[in-house]
């Protein structure tokens, strides 16, 4: 399993859980797994063109990941970070 840290703007999808475990051999597959478990969550992370939204960043084992085809292995840690914005 992969440990996933969830940003606070997405807590409403996970019932307030800050960390969850999920499976997936890439970030794309991991997001599909999360979408099945937490419907609507993926749309907040990825847009209609399958691009990561501008305010979202992924870190895999502490290293920034810029592509959804980033490979994952059991035991990896994925952090989803949502930038704060406003005026």
N, C-alpha and C. Protein backbone atom coordinates (compact mmCIF):
# COMPACT_ATOMS: atom_id res chain seq x y z
N UNK A 1 0.83 -1.18 0.00
CA UNK A 1 0.00 0.00 0.00
C UNK A 1 0.88 1.25 0.00
N UNK A 2 0.28 2.33 -0.45
CA UNK A 2 0.95 3.62 -0.53
C UNK A 2 0.27 4.55 0.46
N UNK A 3 1.05 5.24 1.26
CA UNK A 3 0.49 6.20 2.21
C UNK A 3 0.33 7.53 1.49
N UNK A 4 -0.88 8.10 1.57
CA UNK A 4 -1.20 9.34 0.86
C UNK A 4 -1.59 10.40 1.88
N UNK A 5 -0.88 11.52 1.87
CA UNK A 5 -1.24 12.67 2.71
C UNK A 5 -2.18 13.56 1.93
N UNK A 6 -3.31 13.89 2.54
CA UNK A 6 -4.36 14.65 1.88
C UNK A 6 -4.32 16.10 2.36
N UNK A 7 -4.42 17.08 1.46
CA UNK A 7 -4.45 18.48 1.89
C UNK A 7 -5.83 18.83 2.48
N UNK A 8 -5.84 19.80 3.36
CA UNK A 8 -7.09 20.15 4.06
C UNK A 8 -8.25 20.52 3.12
N UNK A 9 -8.03 21.14 1.94
CA UNK A 9 -9.18 21.42 1.07
C UNK A 9 -9.90 20.15 0.58
N UNK A 10 -9.27 18.99 0.72
CA UNK A 10 -9.89 17.74 0.26
C UNK A 10 -10.39 16.87 1.41
N UNK A 11 -10.30 17.36 2.64
CA UNK A 11 -10.76 16.59 3.80
C UNK A 11 -12.23 16.21 3.70
N UNK A 12 -13.03 17.05 3.05
CA UNK A 12 -14.46 16.75 2.95
C UNK A 12 -14.71 15.45 2.19
N UNK A 13 -13.79 15.07 1.30
CA UNK A 13 -13.94 13.82 0.55
C UNK A 13 -13.55 12.61 1.39
N UNK A 14 -12.59 12.79 2.29
CA UNK A 14 -12.06 11.66 3.07
C UNK A 14 -12.66 11.58 4.46
N UNK A 15 -13.68 12.38 4.73
CA UNK A 15 -14.28 12.36 6.06
C UNK A 15 -13.35 12.92 7.11
N UNK A 16 -12.46 13.84 6.71
CA UNK A 16 -11.54 14.47 7.64
C UNK A 16 -10.23 13.74 7.83
N UNK A 17 -10.05 12.61 7.16
CA UNK A 17 -8.79 11.86 7.28
C UNK A 17 -7.65 12.62 6.61
N UNK A 18 -6.55 12.79 7.33
CA UNK A 18 -5.39 13.48 6.79
C UNK A 18 -4.47 12.55 6.03
N UNK A 19 -4.49 11.28 6.38
CA UNK A 19 -3.67 10.27 5.70
C UNK A 19 -4.53 9.06 5.42
N UNK A 20 -4.36 8.52 4.23
CA UNK A 20 -5.07 7.31 3.84
C UNK A 20 -4.08 6.38 3.17
N UNK A 21 -4.47 5.13 2.99
CA UNK A 21 -3.65 4.19 2.25
C UNK A 21 -4.42 3.75 1.03
N UNK A 22 -3.71 3.63 -0.08
CA UNK A 22 -4.32 3.23 -1.34
C UNK A 22 -3.26 2.51 -2.17
N UNK A 23 -3.72 1.93 -3.27
CA UNK A 23 -2.81 1.21 -4.16
C UNK A 23 -2.80 1.87 -5.54
N UNK A 24 -1.71 1.68 -6.27
CA UNK A 24 -1.60 2.18 -7.63
C UNK A 24 -0.16 2.13 -8.08
N UNK A 25 0.06 1.69 -9.31
CA UNK A 25 1.45 1.59 -9.79
C UNK A 25 1.95 2.90 -10.39
N UNK A 26 1.08 3.92 -10.45
CA UNK A 26 1.47 5.26 -10.90
C UNK A 26 0.55 6.26 -10.21
N UNK A 27 0.90 7.54 -10.30
CA UNK A 27 0.02 8.57 -9.74
C UNK A 27 -1.34 8.53 -10.40
N UNK A 28 -1.39 8.30 -11.71
CA UNK A 28 -2.67 8.25 -12.42
C UNK A 28 -3.55 7.14 -11.88
N UNK A 29 -2.99 5.96 -11.69
CA UNK A 29 -3.76 4.83 -11.17
C UNK A 29 -4.15 5.08 -9.71
N UNK A 30 -3.25 5.66 -8.94
CA UNK A 30 -3.57 6.01 -7.55
C UNK A 30 -4.77 6.95 -7.50
N UNK A 31 -4.80 7.96 -8.39
CA UNK A 31 -5.93 8.89 -8.42
C UNK A 31 -7.22 8.18 -8.82
N UNK A 32 -7.14 7.21 -9.70
CA UNK A 32 -8.34 6.43 -10.06
C UNK A 32 -8.84 5.64 -8.85
N UNK A 33 -7.91 5.08 -8.09
CA UNK A 33 -8.28 4.35 -6.87
C UNK A 33 -8.95 5.29 -5.88
N UNK A 34 -8.37 6.46 -5.70
CA UNK A 34 -8.95 7.44 -4.77
C UNK A 34 -10.34 7.88 -5.25
N UNK A 35 -10.51 8.03 -6.55
CA UNK A 35 -11.80 8.45 -7.09
C UNK A 35 -12.88 7.40 -6.82
N UNK A 36 -12.52 6.13 -6.93
CA UNK A 36 -13.50 5.07 -6.64
C UNK A 36 -13.92 5.11 -5.17
N UNK A 37 -12.97 5.37 -4.30
CA UNK A 37 -13.24 5.40 -2.86
C UNK A 37 -13.87 6.71 -2.42
N UNK A 38 -13.45 7.82 -3.04
CA UNK A 38 -13.91 9.16 -2.66
C UNK A 38 -14.39 9.89 -3.92
N UNK A 39 -15.60 9.59 -4.38
CA UNK A 39 -16.10 10.17 -5.64
C UNK A 39 -16.02 11.70 -5.65
N UNK A 40 -15.53 12.23 -6.77
CA UNK A 40 -15.40 13.67 -6.95
C UNK A 40 -14.03 14.23 -6.60
N UNK A 41 -13.25 13.46 -5.88
CA UNK A 41 -11.94 13.94 -5.44
C UNK A 41 -10.98 14.19 -6.61
N UNK A 42 -10.95 13.27 -7.56
CA UNK A 42 -10.01 13.39 -8.68
C UNK A 42 -10.23 14.69 -9.45
N UNK A 43 -11.48 15.07 -9.64
CA UNK A 43 -11.78 16.30 -10.39
C UNK A 43 -11.21 17.54 -9.70
N UNK A 44 -11.02 17.50 -8.41
CA UNK A 44 -10.41 18.63 -7.70
C UNK A 44 -8.90 18.66 -7.88
N UNK A 45 -8.33 17.55 -8.38
CA UNK A 45 -6.88 17.43 -8.54
C UNK A 45 -6.46 17.52 -10.00
N UNK A 46 -7.27 16.93 -10.88
CA UNK A 46 -6.96 16.85 -12.32
C UNK A 46 -8.11 17.47 -13.10
N UNK A 47 -7.78 18.25 -14.13
CA UNK A 47 -8.83 18.91 -14.92
C UNK A 47 -9.37 18.00 -16.03
N UNK A 48 -10.25 18.54 -16.85
CA UNK A 48 -10.91 17.78 -17.91
C UNK A 48 -9.94 17.30 -18.99
N UNK A 49 -8.79 17.95 -19.13
CA UNK A 49 -7.77 17.54 -20.11
C UNK A 49 -6.76 16.56 -19.51
N UNK A 50 -7.05 16.06 -18.32
CA UNK A 50 -6.18 15.12 -17.61
C UNK A 50 -4.85 15.75 -17.22
N UNK A 51 -4.87 17.05 -16.95
CA UNK A 51 -3.69 17.76 -16.47
C UNK A 51 -3.88 18.10 -14.99
N UNK A 52 -2.78 18.03 -14.26
CA UNK A 52 -2.84 18.38 -12.85
C UNK A 52 -3.18 19.87 -12.74
N UNK A 53 -4.14 20.19 -11.89
CA UNK A 53 -4.54 21.59 -11.71
C UNK A 53 -3.36 22.41 -11.22
N UNK A 54 -3.34 23.69 -11.60
CA UNK A 54 -2.19 24.56 -11.34
C UNK A 54 -1.86 24.71 -9.86
N UNK A 55 -2.86 24.60 -8.99
CA UNK A 55 -2.63 24.80 -7.56
C UNK A 55 -2.29 23.51 -6.81
N UNK A 56 -2.14 22.40 -7.53
CA UNK A 56 -1.86 21.11 -6.90
C UNK A 56 -0.42 20.68 -7.22
N UNK A 57 0.25 20.13 -6.23
CA UNK A 57 1.60 19.55 -6.40
C UNK A 57 1.61 18.18 -5.75
N UNK A 58 2.41 17.28 -6.32
CA UNK A 58 2.61 15.96 -5.76
C UNK A 58 4.06 15.82 -5.33
N UNK A 59 4.27 15.16 -4.21
CA UNK A 59 5.60 14.78 -3.76
C UNK A 59 5.57 13.28 -3.50
N UNK A 60 6.53 12.57 -4.07
CA UNK A 60 6.65 11.13 -3.86
C UNK A 60 7.95 10.90 -3.10
N UNK A 61 7.82 10.38 -1.90
CA UNK A 61 8.98 10.16 -1.03
C UNK A 61 9.82 11.42 -0.89
N UNK A 62 9.15 12.56 -0.78
CA UNK A 62 9.83 13.84 -0.55
C UNK A 62 10.31 14.55 -1.80
N UNK A 63 10.19 13.91 -2.95
CA UNK A 63 10.65 14.51 -4.21
C UNK A 63 9.44 14.94 -5.04
N UNK A 64 9.53 16.13 -5.64
CA UNK A 64 8.41 16.61 -6.45
C UNK A 64 8.19 15.68 -7.64
N UNK A 65 6.94 15.41 -7.94
CA UNK A 65 6.56 14.59 -9.09
C UNK A 65 5.70 15.46 -9.99
N UNK A 66 6.08 15.59 -11.23
CA UNK A 66 5.38 16.50 -12.13
C UNK A 66 4.50 15.79 -13.16
N UNK A 67 4.59 14.46 -13.21
CA UNK A 67 3.84 13.73 -14.24
C UNK A 67 2.96 12.67 -13.59
N UNK A 68 1.78 12.46 -14.16
CA UNK A 68 0.87 11.46 -13.64
C UNK A 68 1.34 10.04 -13.90
N UNK A 69 2.30 9.86 -14.83
CA UNK A 69 2.82 8.52 -15.07
C UNK A 69 3.99 8.17 -14.14
N UNK A 70 4.22 9.03 -13.14
CA UNK A 70 5.26 8.75 -12.13
C UNK A 70 4.98 7.38 -11.51
N UNK A 71 5.97 6.49 -11.58
CA UNK A 71 5.82 5.15 -11.04
C UNK A 71 5.78 5.18 -9.52
N UNK A 72 4.96 4.29 -8.95
CA UNK A 72 4.85 4.14 -7.50
C UNK A 72 5.08 2.69 -7.14
N UNK A 73 5.55 2.48 -5.90
CA UNK A 73 5.75 1.13 -5.38
C UNK A 73 5.12 1.03 -4.00
N UNK A 74 4.73 -0.17 -3.60
CA UNK A 74 4.23 -0.34 -2.23
C UNK A 74 5.24 0.22 -1.24
N UNK A 75 4.75 0.92 -0.24
CA UNK A 75 5.62 1.54 0.75
C UNK A 75 5.96 2.98 0.46
N UNK A 76 5.68 3.45 -0.77
CA UNK A 76 5.93 4.86 -1.10
C UNK A 76 5.00 5.76 -0.30
N UNK A 77 5.43 7.00 -0.15
CA UNK A 77 4.61 8.03 0.48
C UNK A 77 4.36 9.13 -0.52
N UNK A 78 3.09 9.44 -0.74
CA UNK A 78 2.67 10.48 -1.67
C UNK A 78 2.02 11.59 -0.87
N UNK A 79 2.48 12.80 -1.10
CA UNK A 79 1.88 13.97 -0.46
C UNK A 79 1.23 14.81 -1.57
N UNK A 80 -0.05 15.07 -1.40
CA UNK A 80 -0.76 15.97 -2.30
C UNK A 80 -0.80 17.31 -1.60
N UNK A 81 -0.31 18.34 -2.28
CA UNK A 81 -0.24 19.68 -1.69
C UNK A 81 -1.11 20.61 -2.52
N UNK A 82 -1.96 21.34 -1.85
CA UNK A 82 -2.81 22.33 -2.51
C UNK A 82 -2.34 23.72 -2.08
N UNK A 83 -1.94 24.53 -3.06
CA UNK A 83 -1.47 25.88 -2.77
C UNK A 83 -2.65 26.75 -2.33
N UNK A 84 -2.39 27.63 -1.42
CA UNK A 84 -3.41 28.58 -0.99
C UNK A 84 -3.42 29.75 -1.95
N UNK A 85 -4.60 30.26 -2.25
CA UNK A 85 -4.69 31.41 -3.13
C UNK A 85 -5.81 32.30 -2.65
N UNK A 86 -5.86 33.43 -3.20
CA UNK A 86 -6.92 34.38 -2.82
C UNK A 86 -6.39 35.79 -2.90
N UNK A 87 -7.23 36.69 -2.51
CA UNK A 87 -6.81 38.07 -2.63
C UNK A 87 -7.25 38.90 -1.50
